Amino acid sequence: MGQAKKIALYMVIVFVLYTIITSPERAADLVQVGFEGISSAAQGIGDFMTELVK
């Protein structure tokens, strides 16, 4: 089972590197979307905690 995880991780890394090298604009867009999602989630958690305190 450990070998399967290691192989899957290597495949993901190779795919990410391939995507960045062949299409850097698209890769940058995907990263931006990811960070916007993380930012929105963090803001939502912050708003929720603020409302709990009130």
N, C-alpha and C. Protein backbone atom coordinates (compact mmCIF):
# COMPACT_ATOMS: atom_id res chain seq x y z
N MET A 1 0.83 -1.20 0.00
CA MET A 1 0.00 0.00 0.00
C MET A 1 0.87 1.26 0.00
N GLY A 2 2.00 1.21 0.70
CA GLY A 2 2.90 2.35 0.74
C GLY A 2 3.48 2.69 -0.62
N GLN A 3 3.79 1.66 -1.41
CA GLN A 3 4.32 1.87 -2.75
C GLN A 3 3.30 2.55 -3.64
N ALA A 4 2.04 2.17 -3.50
CA ALA A 4 0.98 2.76 -4.33
C ALA A 4 0.84 4.26 -4.03
N LYS A 5 0.92 4.63 -2.77
CA LYS A 5 0.85 6.05 -2.40
C LYS A 5 2.03 6.81 -2.97
N LYS A 6 3.20 6.23 -2.90
CA LYS A 6 4.41 6.87 -3.40
C LYS A 6 4.32 7.07 -4.91
N ILE A 7 3.84 6.05 -5.62
CA ILE A 7 3.70 6.14 -7.07
C ILE A 7 2.66 7.19 -7.44
N ALA A 8 1.54 7.21 -6.72
CA ALA A 8 0.50 8.20 -6.98
C ALA A 8 1.02 9.61 -6.74
N LEU A 9 1.78 9.80 -5.70
CA LEU A 9 2.35 11.12 -5.41
C LEU A 9 3.29 11.56 -6.52
N TYR A 10 4.15 10.65 -6.98
CA TYR A 10 5.06 10.98 -8.08
C TYR A 10 4.29 11.32 -9.35
N MET A 11 3.21 10.62 -9.62
CA MET A 11 2.40 10.90 -10.80
C MET A 11 1.77 12.29 -10.71
N VAL A 12 1.29 12.65 -9.53
CA VAL A 12 0.69 13.98 -9.34
C VAL A 12 1.75 15.06 -9.54
N ILE A 13 2.93 14.85 -8.98
CA ILE A 13 4.02 15.83 -9.13
C ILE A 13 4.40 16.00 -10.59
N VAL A 14 4.53 14.90 -11.31
CA VAL A 14 4.87 14.97 -12.74
C VAL A 14 3.78 15.69 -13.51
N PHE A 15 2.52 15.41 -13.20
CA PHE A 15 1.41 16.08 -13.88
C PHE A 15 1.44 17.59 -13.63
N VAL A 16 1.66 17.98 -12.38
CA VAL A 16 1.70 19.41 -12.04
C VAL A 16 2.85 20.09 -12.78
N LEU A 17 4.03 19.48 -12.77
CA LEU A 17 5.17 20.07 -13.48
C LEU A 17 4.90 20.16 -14.98
N TYR A 18 4.31 19.12 -15.56
CA TYR A 18 3.97 19.13 -16.97
C TYR A 18 3.00 20.27 -17.30
N THR A 19 1.99 20.44 -16.44
CA THR A 19 1.01 21.50 -16.66
C THR A 19 1.66 22.88 -16.58
N ILE A 20 2.54 23.06 -15.61
CA ILE A 20 3.21 24.36 -15.45
C ILE A 20 4.10 24.66 -16.64
N ILE A 21 4.82 23.66 -17.12
CA ILE A 21 5.76 23.87 -18.22
C ILE A 21 5.03 24.10 -19.54
N THR A 22 3.98 23.33 -19.81
CA THR A 22 3.30 23.44 -21.10
C THR A 22 2.30 24.59 -21.17
N SER A 23 1.75 24.98 -20.04
CA SER A 23 0.73 26.03 -20.04
C SER A 23 0.83 26.86 -18.77
N PRO A 24 1.84 27.72 -18.68
CA PRO A 24 2.01 28.50 -17.44
C PRO A 24 0.86 29.45 -17.14
N GLU A 25 0.21 29.99 -18.20
CA GLU A 25 -0.90 30.92 -17.96
C GLU A 25 -2.06 30.19 -17.30
N ARG A 26 -2.37 29.00 -17.79
CA ARG A 26 -3.47 28.21 -17.23
C ARG A 26 -3.14 27.77 -15.81
N ALA A 27 -1.88 27.40 -15.58
CA ALA A 27 -1.47 26.98 -14.24
C ALA A 27 -1.61 28.15 -13.26
N ALA A 28 -1.24 29.35 -13.71
CA ALA A 28 -1.37 30.53 -12.84
C ALA A 28 -2.83 30.81 -12.53
N ASP A 29 -3.70 30.63 -13.52
CA ASP A 29 -5.13 30.83 -13.28
C ASP A 29 -5.66 29.83 -12.25
N LEU A 30 -5.22 28.58 -12.36
CA LEU A 30 -5.67 27.56 -11.40
C LEU A 30 -5.19 27.86 -9.99
N VAL A 31 -3.96 28.33 -9.87
CA VAL A 31 -3.43 28.68 -8.55
C VAL A 31 -4.21 29.85 -7.97
N GLN A 32 -4.51 30.83 -8.81
CA GLN A 32 -5.27 31.99 -8.34
C GLN A 32 -6.65 31.57 -7.85
N VAL A 33 -7.31 30.70 -8.59
CA VAL A 33 -8.64 30.22 -8.18
C VAL A 33 -8.54 29.48 -6.85
N GLY A 34 -7.49 28.67 -6.70
CA GLY A 34 -7.30 27.94 -5.44
C GLY A 34 -7.11 28.87 -4.26
N PHE A 35 -6.27 29.90 -4.43
CA PHE A 35 -6.04 30.83 -3.34
C PHE A 35 -7.28 31.66 -3.03
N GLU A 36 -8.05 32.01 -4.05
CA GLU A 36 -9.29 32.73 -3.80
C GLU A 36 -10.27 31.87 -3.00
N GLY A 37 -10.31 30.58 -3.31
CA GLY A 37 -11.18 29.68 -2.56
C GLY A 37 -10.76 29.56 -1.11
N ILE A 38 -9.45 29.44 -0.88
CA ILE A 38 -8.93 29.36 0.49
C ILE A 38 -9.21 30.65 1.24
N SER A 39 -9.04 31.78 0.55
CA SER A 39 -9.29 33.08 1.17
C SER A 39 -10.77 33.22 1.55
N SER A 40 -11.65 32.81 0.67
CA SER A 40 -13.08 32.89 0.95
C SER A 40 -13.46 32.00 2.13
N ALA A 41 -12.88 30.81 2.17
CA ALA A 41 -13.17 29.90 3.28
C ALA A 41 -12.68 30.48 4.60
N ALA A 42 -11.49 31.06 4.61
CA ALA A 42 -10.95 31.65 5.83
C ALA A 42 -11.80 32.84 6.26
N GLN A 43 -12.25 33.63 5.30
CA GLN A 43 -13.10 34.77 5.64
C GLN A 43 -14.43 34.29 6.22
N GLY A 44 -14.99 33.25 5.65
CA GLY A 44 -16.24 32.69 6.17
C GLY A 44 -16.09 32.18 7.59
N ILE A 45 -14.98 31.50 7.87
CA ILE A 45 -14.73 31.00 9.22
C ILE A 45 -14.56 32.18 10.18
N GLY A 46 -13.85 33.21 9.74
CA GLY A 46 -13.68 34.40 10.57
C GLY A 46 -15.01 35.07 10.88
N ASP A 47 -15.85 35.19 9.87
CA ASP A 47 -17.18 35.79 10.08
C ASP A 47 -18.00 34.94 11.05
N PHE A 48 -17.94 33.63 10.91
CA PHE A 48 -18.67 32.73 11.79
C PHE A 48 -18.19 32.88 13.23
N MET A 49 -16.89 32.92 13.44
CA MET A 49 -16.34 33.07 14.79
C MET A 49 -16.71 34.42 15.38
N THR A 50 -16.71 35.46 14.55
CA THR A 50 -17.10 36.79 15.03
C THR A 50 -18.55 36.78 15.50
N GLU A 51 -19.41 36.14 14.74
CA GLU A 51 -20.82 36.07 15.14
C GLU A 51 -21.01 35.24 16.40
N LEU A 52 -20.19 34.21 16.60
CA LEU A 52 -20.29 33.43 17.84
C LEU A 52 -19.92 34.26 19.06
N VAL A 53 -18.95 35.14 18.89
CA VAL A 53 -18.49 35.96 20.01
C VAL A 53 -19.54 37.00 20.38
N LYS A 54 -20.26 37.51 19.39
CA LYS A 54 -21.25 38.57 19.65
C LYS A 54 -22.37 38.04 20.43
